[in-house]
Amino acid sequence: MALILDLAAQGAQMLLVLALAPLLLGFTRKVKARLLMRQGPPLLQPYRDLLRLTRKEVVLADNASWLFRAAPYMIFAATWVAAALVPSFAAGLTFSWAADVIAIIALLGSARMFLALVGMDVGTSFGGLGASREMMFASLAEPAMMMIVFTVALVAGSTQLSTIAEFMLTHGSLRVSLGLALAGLIIVTLAENSRIPVDNPATHLELTMVHEAMVLEYSGRHLAVIEMAAALKLLLYLSLIACIFLPWGIAAPGASPAAYAAGLVAYLAKLTAGAFLMVLFETSIAKMRIFRVPEFLGAALMLGLLGTLLLFVSRSF
């Protein structure tokens, strides 16, 4: 009976992230429009957009290879698996042994690689421009993520997310190194999801866009799958911040259905608060120039490195 409950909870988490990702995207758009004194689209508009795209005909370039057709599904699969592994409402689920932060970073790196390849596959100038910018950002974002992981792993003694969440719940305390890691992870979240100040997800200006430049040639169900993967990626990073730094409310391994329900309510509250703060930050600043983004990501790398060094220095005394 316990195994069946664990499998059901794991399946519920996989379906939960899939169902919540478009709603989270719609919430950010609605809140941003309200802060800018506009009506904004409905909360359920992303679901309608995805459904509309799936009904449209797929238009492919004559020189598109097999990778161009297969990459959207590989990007979606890697992102969905990574998002489903992050503990949301419960820790210690059936597949929690695979919820390693380094493995999640590797899955996201694989999705980024496929996205950059399809940006260059057709041979358009915009696709190549977006792919080169994406790789430039990734060369700093991935090392910054690794340094943040090292900082958290040195504190918790593990890179497994359920173990980290349980440690933060029982032994968590205010640490300067964890604060630096949190600031670095927020910077990486903004950059990886093409949010302001790194990129504007609502613009289609060719000279500044990054993510949109790589998917300009997609249409129909292929574009729907890529857009869904982008929404899952935003949910993943907000869930990662909540799991590591705000693990309150997560149900313990083998908990009752009532504890799972309470964990779900806490998870939704944390997602709502995180999305609101992210949009509030976006509306208070302007987009930076493209050549200043490496400095922005370099700050995240330095914050992660400084957090790791502080832990070593504090333990040496």
C-alpha atoms as a PDB file:
ATOM      1  CA  MET A   1       0.000   0.000   0.000  1.00  0.00           C
ATOM      2  CA  ALA A   2       2.830   2.362   0.846  1.00  0.00           C
ATOM      3  CA  LEU A   3       4.500   1.668  -2.516  1.00  0.00           C
ATOM      4  CA  ILE A   4       1.251   2.410  -4.355  1.00  0.00           C
ATOM      5  CA  LEU A   5       0.884   5.697  -2.468  1.00  0.00           C
ATOM      6  CA  ASP A   6       4.481   6.665  -3.280  1.00  0.00           C
ATOM      7  CA  LEU A   7       4.009   5.854  -6.971  1.00  0.00           C
ATOM      8  CA  ALA A   8       0.771   7.829  -7.029  1.00  0.00           C
ATOM      9  CA  ALA A   9       2.485  10.802  -5.377  1.00  0.00           C
ATOM     10  CA  GLN A  10       5.339  10.637  -7.889  1.00  0.00           C
ATOM     11  CA  GLY A  11       2.908  10.489 -10.800  1.00  0.00           C
ATOM     12  CA  ALA A  12       0.931  13.367  -9.316  1.00  0.00           C
ATOM     13  CA  GLN A  13       4.079  15.472  -9.127  1.00  0.00           C
ATOM     14  CA  MET A  14       4.923  14.766 -12.771  1.00  0.00           C
ATOM     15  CA  LEU A  15       1.427  15.773 -13.864  1.00  0.00           C
ATOM     16  CA  LEU A  16       1.370  18.723 -11.460  1.00  0.00           C
ATOM     17  CA  VAL A  17       4.381  20.471 -12.976  1.00  0.00           C
ATOM     18  CA  LEU A  18       2.984  19.843 -16.453  1.00  0.00           C
ATOM     19  CA  ALA A  19      -0.366  21.385 -15.528  1.00  0.00           C
ATOM     20  CA  LEU A  20       0.994  24.312 -13.515  1.00  0.00           C
ATOM     21  CA  ALA A  21       3.676  25.516 -15.960  1.00  0.00           C
ATOM     22  CA  PRO A  22       1.328  27.376 -18.366  1.00  0.00           C
ATOM     23  CA  LEU A  23      -0.673  28.747 -15.423  1.00  0.00           C
ATOM     24  CA  LEU A  24       2.503  30.145 -13.863  1.00  0.00           C
ATOM     25  CA  LEU A  25       3.390  31.809 -17.150  1.00  0.00           C
ATOM     26  CA  GLY A  26      -0.096  33.276 -17.399  1.00  0.00           C
ATOM     27  CA  PHE A  27       0.134  34.544 -13.830  1.00  0.00           C
ATOM     28  CA  THR A  28       3.400  36.375 -14.524  1.00  0.00           C
ATOM     29  CA  ARG A  29       1.919  38.021 -17.612  1.00  0.00           C
ATOM     30  CA  LYS A  30      -1.226  39.054 -15.751  1.00  0.00           C
ATOM     31  CA  VAL A  31       0.653  40.502 -12.780  1.00  0.00           C
ATOM     32  CA  LYS A  32       3.078  42.354 -15.013  1.00  0.00           C
ATOM     33  CA  ALA A  33       0.218  43.885 -16.980  1.00  0.00           C
ATOM     34  CA  ARG A  34      -1.512  44.950 -13.776  1.00  0.00           C
ATOM     35  CA  LEU A  35       1.652  46.568 -12.447  1.00  0.00           C
ATOM     36  CA  LEU A  36       1.915  48.481 -15.723  1.00  0.00           C
ATOM     37  CA  MET A  37      -1.725  49.640 -15.358  1.00  0.00           C
ATOM     38  CA  ARG A  38      -2.997  47.435 -18.196  1.00  0.00           C
ATOM     39  CA  GLN A  39      -5.738  44.816 -18.355  1.00  0.00           C
ATOM     40  CA  GLY A  40      -3.494  41.996 -19.466  1.00  0.00           C
ATOM     41  CA  PRO A  41      -4.381  38.572 -20.921  1.00  0.00           C
ATOM     42  CA  PRO A  42      -6.469  36.026 -18.989  1.00  0.00           C
ATOM     43  CA  LEU A  43      -4.696  33.627 -16.666  1.00  0.00           C
ATOM     44  CA  LEU A  44      -5.613  30.694 -18.900  1.00  0.00           C
ATOM     45  CA  GLN A  45      -4.368  32.324 -22.097  1.00  0.00           C
ATOM     46  CA  PRO A  46      -1.181  30.154 -22.300  1.00  0.00           C
ATOM     47  CA  TYR A  47      -3.358  27.021 -22.394  1.00  0.00           C
ATOM     48  CA  ARG A  48      -5.374  28.486 -25.255  1.00  0.00           C
ATOM     49  CA  ASP A  49      -2.210  29.453 -27.122  1.00  0.00           C
ATOM     50  CA  LEU A  50      -0.788  25.946 -26.796  1.00  0.00           C
ATOM     51  CA  LEU A  51      -4.052  24.404 -27.965  1.00  0.00           C
ATOM     52  CA  ARG A  52      -4.216  26.791 -30.920  1.00  0.00           C
ATOM     53  CA  LEU A  53      -0.647  25.954 -31.949  1.00  0.00           C
ATOM     54  CA  THR A  54      -1.300  22.210 -31.826  1.00  0.00           C
ATOM     55  CA  ARG A  55      -4.159  22.663 -34.291  1.00  0.00           C
ATOM     56  CA  LYS A  56      -2.066  24.624 -36.787  1.00  0.00           C
ATOM     57  CA  GLU A  57      -0.192  23.109 -39.676  1.00  0.00           C
ATOM     58  CA  VAL A  58       3.554  22.567 -39.296  1.00  0.00           C
ATOM     59  CA  VAL A  59       5.607  24.516 -41.834  1.00  0.00           C
ATOM     60  CA  LEU A  60       9.187  23.299 -42.310  1.00  0.00           C
ATOM     61  CA  ALA A  61      12.057  24.804 -44.249  1.00  0.00           C
ATOM     62  CA  ASP A  62      13.255  22.826 -47.259  1.00  0.00           C
ATOM     63  CA  ASN A  63      16.736  22.369 -45.804  1.00  0.00           C
ATOM     64  CA  ALA A  64      15.559  21.388 -42.298  1.00  0.00           C
ATOM     65  CA  SER A  65      17.176  18.161 -41.089  1.00  0.00           C
ATOM     66  CA  TRP A  66      15.764  15.368 -38.938  1.00  0.00           C
ATOM     67  CA  LEU A  67      17.159  17.147 -35.882  1.00  0.00           C
ATOM     68  CA  PHE A  68      14.926  20.136 -36.534  1.00  0.00           C
ATOM     69  CA  ARG A  69      11.875  17.857 -36.316  1.00  0.00           C
ATOM     70  CA  ALA A  70      13.017  15.780 -33.343  1.00  0.00           C
ATOM     71  CA  ALA A  71      14.658  18.457 -31.183  1.00  0.00           C
ATOM     72  CA  PRO A  72      11.420  20.008 -29.789  1.00  0.00           C
ATOM     73  CA  TYR A  73      10.410  16.674 -28.276  1.00  0.00           C
ATOM     74  CA  MET A  74      13.895  16.049 -26.864  1.00  0.00           C
ATOM     75  CA  ILE A  75      13.975  19.556 -25.364  1.00  0.00           C
ATOM     76  CA  PHE A  76      10.549  19.028 -23.825  1.00  0.00           C
ATOM     77  CA  ALA A  77      11.407  15.574 -22.459  1.00  0.00           C
ATOM     78  CA  ALA A  78      14.648  16.737 -20.819  1.00  0.00           C
ATOM     79  CA  THR A  79      12.997  19.787 -19.285  1.00  0.00           C
ATOM     80  CA  TRP A  80       9.956  17.852 -18.064  1.00  0.00           C
ATOM     81  CA  VAL A  81      12.083  15.176 -16.412  1.00  0.00           C
ATOM     82  CA  ALA A  82      14.237  17.821 -14.717  1.00  0.00           C
ATOM     83  CA  ALA A  83      11.176  19.750 -13.482  1.00  0.00           C
ATOM     84  CA  ALA A  84       9.462  16.568 -12.240  1.00  0.00           C
ATOM     85  CA  LEU A  85      12.529  15.554 -10.219  1.00  0.00           C
ATOM     86  CA  VAL A  86      12.579  18.724  -8.113  1.00  0.00           C
ATOM     87  CA  PRO A  87      10.615  18.076  -4.886  1.00  0.00           C
ATOM     88  CA  SER A  88       7.494  20.225  -4.917  1.00  0.00           C
ATOM     89  CA  PHE A  89       4.931  19.219  -2.284  1.00  0.00           C
ATOM     90  CA  ALA A  90       6.755  16.152  -0.898  1.00  0.00           C
ATOM     91  CA  ALA A  91      10.311  14.903  -0.436  1.00  0.00           C
ATOM     92  CA  GLY A  92      11.628  11.377  -0.656  1.00  0.00           C
ATOM     93  CA  LEU A  93       9.334  10.199  -3.444  1.00  0.00           C
ATOM     94  CA  THR A  94       9.968   7.068  -5.492  1.00  0.00           C
ATOM     95  CA  PHE A  95      12.362   8.733  -7.948  1.00  0.00           C
ATOM     96  CA  SER A  96      13.957  11.048  -5.393  1.00  0.00           C
ATOM     97  CA  TRP A  97      17.240   9.151  -5.712  1.00  0.00           C
ATOM     98  CA  ALA A  98      17.568  10.642  -9.201  1.00  0.00           C
ATOM     99  CA  ALA A  99      16.777  14.194  -8.038  1.00  0.00           C
ATOM    100  CA  ASP A 100      20.415  15.264  -7.959  1.00  0.00           C
ATOM    101  CA  VAL A 101      21.146  18.914  -8.653  1.00  0.00           C
ATOM    102  CA  ILE A 102      24.075  18.066 -10.925  1.00  0.00           C
ATOM    103  CA  ALA A 103      21.879  15.678 -12.939  1.00  0.00           C
ATOM    104  CA  ILE A 104      19.237  18.401 -13.304  1.00  0.00           C
ATOM    105  CA  ILE A 105      21.869  20.853 -14.541  1.00  0.00           C
ATOM    106  CA  ALA A 106      23.016  18.222 -17.053  1.00  0.00           C
ATOM    107  CA  LEU A 107      19.448  17.742 -18.326  1.00  0.00           C
ATOM    108  CA  LEU A 108      18.996  21.487 -18.756  1.00  0.00           C
ATOM    109  CA  GLY A 109      22.354  21.688 -20.522  1.00  0.00           C
ATOM    110  CA  SER A 110      21.239  18.963 -22.939  1.00  0.00           C
ATOM    111  CA  ALA A 111      18.037  20.866 -23.713  1.00  0.00           C
ATOM    112  CA  ARG A 112      20.057  24.043 -24.306  1.00  0.00           C
ATOM    113  CA  MET A 113      22.409  22.206 -26.648  1.00  0.00           C
ATOM    114  CA  PHE A 114      19.523  20.914 -28.785  1.00  0.00           C
ATOM    115  CA  LEU A 115      17.928  24.363 -28.856  1.00  0.00           C
ATOM    116  CA  ALA A 116      21.159  25.987 -30.028  1.00  0.00           C
ATOM    117  CA  LEU A 117      21.651  23.306 -32.686  1.00  0.00           C
ATOM    118  CA  VAL A 118      18.200  23.775 -34.191  1.00  0.00           C
ATOM    119  CA  GLY A 119      18.759  27.530 -34.145  1.00  0.00           C
ATOM    120  CA  MET A 120      21.641  26.981 -36.560  1.00  0.00           C
ATOM    121  CA  ASP A 121      20.129  24.042 -38.458  1.00  0.00           C
ATOM    122  CA  VAL A 122      18.106  25.984 -41.031  1.00  0.00           C
ATOM    123  CA  GLY A 123      20.900  28.507 -41.569  1.00  0.00           C
ATOM    124  CA  THR A 124      19.040  31.755 -40.893  1.00  0.00           C
ATOM    125  CA  SER A 125      20.968  34.722 -39.546  1.00  0.00           C
ATOM    126  CA  PHE A 126      18.621  35.231 -36.600  1.00  0.00           C
ATOM    127  CA  GLY A 127      18.868  31.600 -35.522  1.00  0.00           C
ATOM    128  CA  GLY A 128      22.651  31.671 -35.568  1.00  0.00           C
ATOM    129  CA  LEU A 129      22.687  34.975 -33.699  1.00  0.00           C
ATOM    130  CA  GLY A 130      20.388  33.642 -30.985  1.00  0.00           C
ATOM    131  CA  ALA A 131      22.363  30.394 -30.679  1.00  0.00           C
ATOM    132  CA  SER A 132      25.668  32.224 -30.272  1.00  0.00           C
ATOM    133  CA  ARG A 133      24.204  34.480 -27.602  1.00  0.00           C
ATOM    134  CA  GLU A 134      22.665  31.504 -25.801  1.00  0.00           C
ATOM    135  CA  MET A 135      26.016  29.731 -25.691  1.00  0.00           C
ATOM    136  CA  MET A 136      27.750  32.897 -24.509  1.00  0.00           C
ATOM    137  CA  PHE A 137      25.328  33.163 -21.601  1.00  0.00           C
ATOM    138  CA  ALA A 138      25.562  29.437 -20.859  1.00  0.00           C
ATOM    139  CA  SER A 139      29.362  29.618 -20.559  1.00  0.00           C
ATOM    140  CA  LEU A 140      28.838  31.722 -17.430  1.00  0.00           C
ATOM    141  CA  ALA A 141      25.444  30.482 -16.201  1.00  0.00           C
ATOM    142  CA  GLU A 142      26.455  26.818 -15.927  1.00  0.00           C
ATOM    143  CA  PRO A 143      29.669  27.457 -13.930  1.00  0.00           C
ATOM    144  CA  ALA A 144      27.681  29.795 -11.682  1.00  0.00           C
ATOM    145  CA  MET A 145      25.119  27.042 -11.095  1.00  0.00           C
ATOM    146  CA  MET A 146      27.869  24.563 -10.257  1.00  0.00           C
ATOM    147  CA  MET A 147      29.411  26.938  -7.701  1.00  0.00           C
ATOM    148  CA  ILE A 148      25.978  27.484  -6.152  1.00  0.00           C
ATOM    149  CA  VAL A 149      25.498  23.701  -5.996  1.00  0.00           C
ATOM    150  CA  PHE A 150      28.892  23.280  -4.330  1.00  0.00           C
ATOM    151  CA  THR A 151      27.985  25.889  -1.715  1.00  0.00           C
ATOM    152  CA  VAL A 152      24.676  24.210  -0.870  1.00  0.00           C
ATOM    153  CA  ALA A 153      26.217  20.720  -0.980  1.00  0.00           C
ATOM    154  CA  LEU A 154      28.959  21.711   1.470  1.00  0.00           C
ATOM    155  CA  VAL A 155      26.309  22.928   3.902  1.00  0.00           C
ATOM    156  CA  ALA A 156      23.877  20.006   3.521  1.00  0.00           C
ATOM    157  CA  GLY A 157      26.451  17.304   2.822  1.00  0.00           C
ATOM    158  CA  SER A 158      24.673  16.114  -0.329  1.00  0.00           C
ATOM    159  CA  THR A 159      23.632  17.175  -3.821  1.00  0.00           C
ATOM    160  CA  GLN A 160      20.380  15.180  -3.599  1.00  0.00           C
ATOM    161  CA  LEU A 161      17.454  17.593  -3.387  1.00  0.00           C
ATOM    162  CA  SER A 162      15.328  15.629  -0.904  1.00  0.00           C
ATOM    163  CA  THR A 163      18.300  15.382   1.442  1.00  0.00           C
ATOM    164  CA  ILE A 164      19.005  19.097   1.056  1.00  0.00           C
ATOM    165  CA  ALA A 165      15.363  19.983   1.783  1.00  0.00           C
ATOM    166  CA  GLU A 166      15.286  17.778   4.891  1.00  0.00           C
ATOM    167  CA  PHE A 167      18.570  19.262   6.130  1.00  0.00           C
ATOM    168  CA  MET A 168      17.341  22.822   5.664  1.00  0.00           C
ATOM    169  CA  LEU A 169      14.148  21.996   7.552  1.00  0.00           C
ATOM    170  CA  THR A 170      15.912  20.448  10.536  1.00  0.00           C
ATOM    171  CA  HIS A 171      19.320  22.178  10.645  1.00  0.00           C
ATOM    172  CA  GLY A 172      18.732  25.250   8.547  1.00  0.00           C
ATOM    173  CA  SER A 173      20.126  28.505   9.889  1.00  0.00           C
ATOM    174  CA  LEU A 174      21.015  31.923   8.586  1.00  0.00           C
ATOM    175  CA  ARG A 175      24.325  31.684   6.756  1.00  0.00           C
ATOM    176  CA  VAL A 176      26.061  34.321   4.683  1.00  0.00           C
ATOM    177  CA  SER A 177      27.164  31.668   2.181  1.00  0.00           C
ATOM    178  CA  LEU A 178      23.570  30.522   1.630  1.00  0.00           C
ATOM    179  CA  GLY A 179      22.470  34.121   1.112  1.00  0.00           C
ATOM    180  CA  LEU A 180      25.145  34.567  -1.532  1.00  0.00           C
ATOM    181  CA  ALA A 181      24.080  31.305  -3.196  1.00  0.00           C
ATOM    182  CA  LEU A 182      20.446  32.439  -3.219  1.00  0.00           C
ATOM    183  CA  ALA A 183      21.360  35.766  -4.843  1.00  0.00           C
ATOM    184  CA  GLY A 184      23.428  33.946  -7.463  1.00  0.00           C
ATOM    185  CA  LEU A 185      20.607  31.482  -8.190  1.00  0.00           C
ATOM    186  CA  ILE A 186      18.137  34.338  -8.686  1.00  0.00           C
ATOM    187  CA  ILE A 187      20.466  35.920 -11.240  1.00  0.00           C
ATOM    188  CA  VAL A 188      20.843  32.605 -13.070  1.00  0.00           C
ATOM    189  CA  THR A 189      17.054  32.127 -13.010  1.00  0.00           C
ATOM    190  CA  LEU A 190      16.497  35.457 -14.736  1.00  0.00           C
ATOM    191  CA  ALA A 191      19.149  34.709 -17.358  1.00  0.00           C
ATOM    192  CA  GLU A 192      18.136  31.112 -18.057  1.00  0.00           C
ATOM    193  CA  ASN A 193      14.493  32.053 -18.547  1.00  0.00           C
ATOM    194  CA  SER A 194      15.249  35.079 -20.758  1.00  0.00           C
ATOM    195  CA  ARG A 195      13.670  37.497 -18.321  1.00  0.00           C
ATOM    196  CA  ILE A 196      14.422  41.191 -17.840  1.00  0.00           C
ATOM    197  CA  PRO A 197      17.137  42.511 -17.488  1.00  0.00           C
ATOM    198  CA  VAL A 198      18.767  39.798 -19.652  1.00  0.00           C
ATOM    199  CA  ASP A 199      16.025  39.473 -22.265  1.00  0.00           C
ATOM    200  CA  ASN A 200      12.427  40.560 -22.719  1.00  0.00           C
ATOM    201  CA  PRO A 201      10.115  37.564 -23.304  1.00  0.00           C
ATOM    202  CA  ALA A 202       7.441  39.843 -24.772  1.00  0.00           C
ATOM    203  CA  THR A 203       9.576  41.390 -27.512  1.00  0.00           C
ATOM    204  CA  HIS A 204      10.278  40.253 -31.064  1.00  0.00           C
ATOM    205  CA  LEU A 205      12.988  42.797 -31.833  1.00  0.00           C
ATOM    206  CA  GLU A 206      15.570  40.806 -33.760  1.00  0.00           C
ATOM    207  CA  LEU A 207      18.577  42.777 -32.544  1.00  0.00           C
ATOM    208  CA  THR A 208      17.961  42.002 -28.863  1.00  0.00           C
ATOM    209  CA  MET A 209      16.060  38.709 -28.559  1.00  0.00           C
ATOM    210  CA  VAL A 210      17.811  35.478 -27.599  1.00  0.00           C
ATOM    211  CA  HIS A 211      15.330  32.638 -27.075  1.00  0.00           C
ATOM    212  CA  GLU A 212      12.844  33.843 -29.670  1.00  0.00           C
ATOM    213  CA  ALA A 213      15.578  34.099 -32.314  1.00  0.00           C
ATOM    214  CA  MET A 214      16.275  30.355 -32.106  1.00  0.00           C
ATOM    215  CA  VAL A 215      12.632  29.303 -32.509  1.00  0.00           C
ATOM    216  CA  LEU A 216      11.541  31.727 -35.244  1.00  0.00           C
ATOM    217  CA  GLU A 217      11.402  28.936 -37.832  1.00  0.00           C
ATOM    218  CA  TYR A 218       9.115  26.715 -35.754  1.00  0.00           C
ATOM    219  CA  SER A 219       5.340  26.557 -36.095  1.00  0.00           C
ATOM    220  CA  GLY A 220       2.405  24.385 -35.168  1.00  0.00           C
ATOM    221  CA  ARG A 221       2.845  21.571 -32.690  1.00  0.00           C
ATOM    222  CA  HIS A 222       6.645  21.925 -32.730  1.00  0.00           C
ATOM    223  CA  LEU A 223       6.383  25.509 -31.467  1.00  0.00           C
ATOM    224  CA  ALA A 224       3.781  24.437 -28.891  1.00  0.00           C
ATOM    225  CA  VAL A 225       6.157  21.823 -27.469  1.00  0.00           C
ATOM    226  CA  ILE A 226       9.018  24.334 -27.258  1.00  0.00           C
ATOM    227  CA  GLU A 227       6.811  26.940 -25.576  1.00  0.00           C
ATOM    228  CA  MET A 228       5.684  24.323 -23.078  1.00  0.00           C
ATOM    229  CA  ALA A 229       9.309  23.448 -22.353  1.00  0.00           C
ATOM    230  CA  ALA A 230      10.086  27.138 -21.720  1.00  0.00           C
ATOM    231  CA  ALA A 231       7.185  27.344 -19.250  1.00  0.00           C
ATOM    232  CA  LEU A 232       8.418  24.188 -17.510  1.00  0.00           C
ATOM    233  CA  LYS A 233      11.879  25.695 -17.224  1.00  0.00           C
ATOM    234  CA  LEU A 234      10.540  28.754 -15.401  1.00  0.00           C
ATOM    235  CA  LEU A 235       8.587  26.496 -13.040  1.00  0.00           C
ATOM    236  CA  LEU A 236      11.689  24.379 -12.472  1.00  0.00           C
ATOM    237  CA  TYR A 237      13.871  27.266 -11.331  1.00  0.00           C
ATOM    238  CA  LEU A 238      11.226  28.705  -9.009  1.00  0.00           C
ATOM    239  CA  SER A 239      10.684  25.202  -7.578  1.00  0.00           C
ATOM    240  CA  LEU A 240      14.432  24.802  -7.119  1.00  0.00           C
ATOM    241  CA  ILE A 241      14.654  28.038  -5.133  1.00  0.00           C
ATOM    242  CA  ALA A 242      11.676  26.993  -3.007  1.00  0.00           C
ATOM    243  CA  CYS A 243      13.042  23.480  -2.412  1.00  0.00           C
ATOM    244  CA  ILE A 244      16.541  24.524  -1.366  1.00  0.00           C
ATOM    245  CA  PHE A 245      16.040  27.829   0.424  1.00  0.00           C
ATOM    246  CA  LEU A 246      12.330  27.718   1.421  1.00  0.00           C
ATOM    247  CA  PRO A 247      11.557  24.063   2.120  1.00  0.00           C
ATOM    248  CA  TRP A 248       8.850  24.779   4.694  1.00  0.00           C
ATOM    249  CA  GLY A 249       5.671  22.821   4.143  1.00  0.00           C
ATOM    250  CA  ILE A 250       7.206  19.965   2.150  1.00  0.00           C
ATOM    251  CA  ALA A 251       5.760  16.650   3.309  1.00  0.00           C
ATOM    252  CA  ALA A 252       8.207  14.150   4.791  1.00  0.00           C
ATOM    253  CA  PRO A 253       8.852  10.768   3.138  1.00  0.00           C
ATOM    254  CA  GLY A 254       5.979   8.362   3.696  1.00  0.00           C
ATOM    255  CA  ALA A 255       3.607  11.065   4.904  1.00  0.00           C
ATOM    256  CA  SER A 256      -0.179  10.848   4.840  1.00  0.00           C
ATOM    257  CA  PRO A 257      -2.370  12.224   2.038  1.00  0.00           C
ATOM    258  CA  ALA A 258      -3.328  15.114   4.341  1.00  0.00           C
ATOM    259  CA  ALA A 259       0.347  16.070   4.641  1.00  0.00           C
ATOM    260  CA  TYR A 260       0.664  15.889   0.856  1.00  0.00           C
ATOM    261  CA  ALA A 261      -2.317  18.234   0.516  1.00  0.00           C
ATOM    262  CA  ALA A 262      -0.781  20.688   2.983  1.00  0.00           C
ATOM    263  CA  GLY A 263       2.511  20.494   1.074  1.00  0.00           C
ATOM    264  CA  LEU A 264       0.672  21.235  -2.170  1.00  0.00           C
ATOM    265  CA  VAL A 265      -0.910  24.359  -0.678  1.00  0.00           C
ATOM    266  CA  ALA A 266       2.495  25.522   0.601  1.00  0.00           C
ATOM    267  CA  TYR A 267       4.067  24.822  -2.798  1.00  0.00           C
ATOM    268  CA  LEU A 268       1.440  26.851  -4.628  1.00  0.00           C
ATOM    269  CA  ALA A 269       1.903  29.717  -2.188  1.00  0.00           C
ATOM    270  CA  LYS A 270       5.665  29.718  -2.709  1.00  0.00           C
ATOM    271  CA  LEU A 271       5.285  29.638  -6.493  1.00  0.00           C
ATOM    272  CA  THR A 272       2.845  32.546  -6.359  1.00  0.00           C
ATOM    273  CA  ALA A 273       5.121  34.611  -4.134  1.00  0.00           C
ATOM    274  CA  GLY A 274       8.197  33.843  -6.223  1.00  0.00           C
ATOM    275  CA  ALA A 275       6.481  34.719  -9.501  1.00  0.00           C
ATOM    276  CA  PHE A 276       5.120  37.964  -8.045  1.00  0.00           C
ATOM    277  CA  LEU A 277       8.534  39.060  -6.736  1.00  0.00           C
ATOM    278  CA  MET A 278      10.161  38.213 -10.058  1.00  0.00           C
ATOM    279  CA  VAL A 279       7.635  40.292 -11.998  1.00  0.00           C
ATOM    280  CA  LEU A 280       7.932  43.135  -9.481  1.00  0.00           C
ATOM    281  CA  PHE A 281      11.696  43.158 -10.020  1.00  0.00           C
ATOM    282  CA  GLU A 282      11.243  43.118 -13.804  1.00  0.00           C
ATOM    283  CA  THR A 283       8.926  46.112 -13.805  1.00  0.00           C
ATOM    284  CA  SER A 284      11.295  48.152 -11.638  1.00  0.00           C
ATOM    285  CA  ILE A 285      14.353  47.900 -13.909  1.00  0.00           C
ATOM    286  CA  ALA A 286      15.152  48.229 -17.602  1.00  0.00           C
ATOM    287  CA  LYS A 287      16.667  45.700 -19.960  1.00  0.00           C
ATOM    288  CA  MET A 288      20.445  45.897 -20.075  1.00  0.00           C
ATOM    289  CA  ARG A 289      22.581  45.935 -23.187  1.00  0.00           C
ATOM    290  CA  ILE A 290      23.466  42.530 -24.571  1.00  0.00           C
ATOM    291  CA  PHE A 291      27.184  42.979 -23.937  1.00  0.00           C
ATOM    292  CA  ARG A 292      26.596  43.705 -20.255  1.00  0.00           C
ATOM    293  CA  VAL A 293      24.904  40.354 -19.641  1.00  0.00           C
ATOM    294  CA  PRO A 294      28.253  38.533 -19.117  1.00  0.00           C
ATOM    295  CA  GLU A 295      29.000  41.002 -16.305  1.00  0.00           C
ATOM    296  CA  PHE A 296      25.587  40.253 -14.800  1.00  0.00           C
ATOM    297  CA  LEU A 297      26.174  36.485 -14.943  1.00  0.00           C
ATOM    298  CA  GLY A 298      29.753  36.978 -13.804  1.00  0.00           C
ATOM    299  CA  ALA A 299      28.334  38.449 -10.601  1.00  0.00           C
ATOM    300  CA  ALA A 300      26.394  35.201 -10.055  1.00  0.00           C
ATOM    301  CA  LEU A 301      29.586  33.199 -10.597  1.00  0.00           C
ATOM    302  CA  MET A 302      31.477  35.359  -8.114  1.00  0.00           C
ATOM    303  CA  LEU A 303      28.667  35.069  -5.557  1.00  0.00           C
ATOM    304  CA  GLY A 304      28.746  31.274  -5.799  1.00  0.00           C
ATOM    305  CA  LEU A 305      32.538  31.203  -5.565  1.00  0.00           C
ATOM    306  CA  LEU A 306      32.530  33.586  -2.609  1.00  0.00           C
ATOM    307  CA  GLY A 307      29.927  31.468  -0.825  1.00  0.00           C
ATOM    308  CA  THR A 308      32.086  28.356  -1.260  1.00  0.00           C
ATOM    309  CA  LEU A 309      35.215  30.158  -0.068  1.00  0.00           C
ATOM    310  CA  LEU A 310      33.412  31.505   2.995  1.00  0.00           C
ATOM    311  CA  LEU A 311      32.450  27.979   3.991  1.00  0.00           C
ATOM    312  CA  PHE A 312      36.034  26.765   3.725  1.00  0.00           C
ATOM    313  CA  VAL A 313      37.346  29.779   5.642  1.00  0.00           C
ATOM    314  CA  SER A 314      34.740  29.476   8.419  1.00  0.00           C
ATOM    315  CA  ARG A 315      35.508  25.764   8.897  1.00  0.00           C
ATOM    316  CA  SER A 316      39.230  26.366   9.135  1.00  0.00           C
ATOM    317  CA  PHE A 317      38.888  28.361  12.364  1.00  0.00           C
END
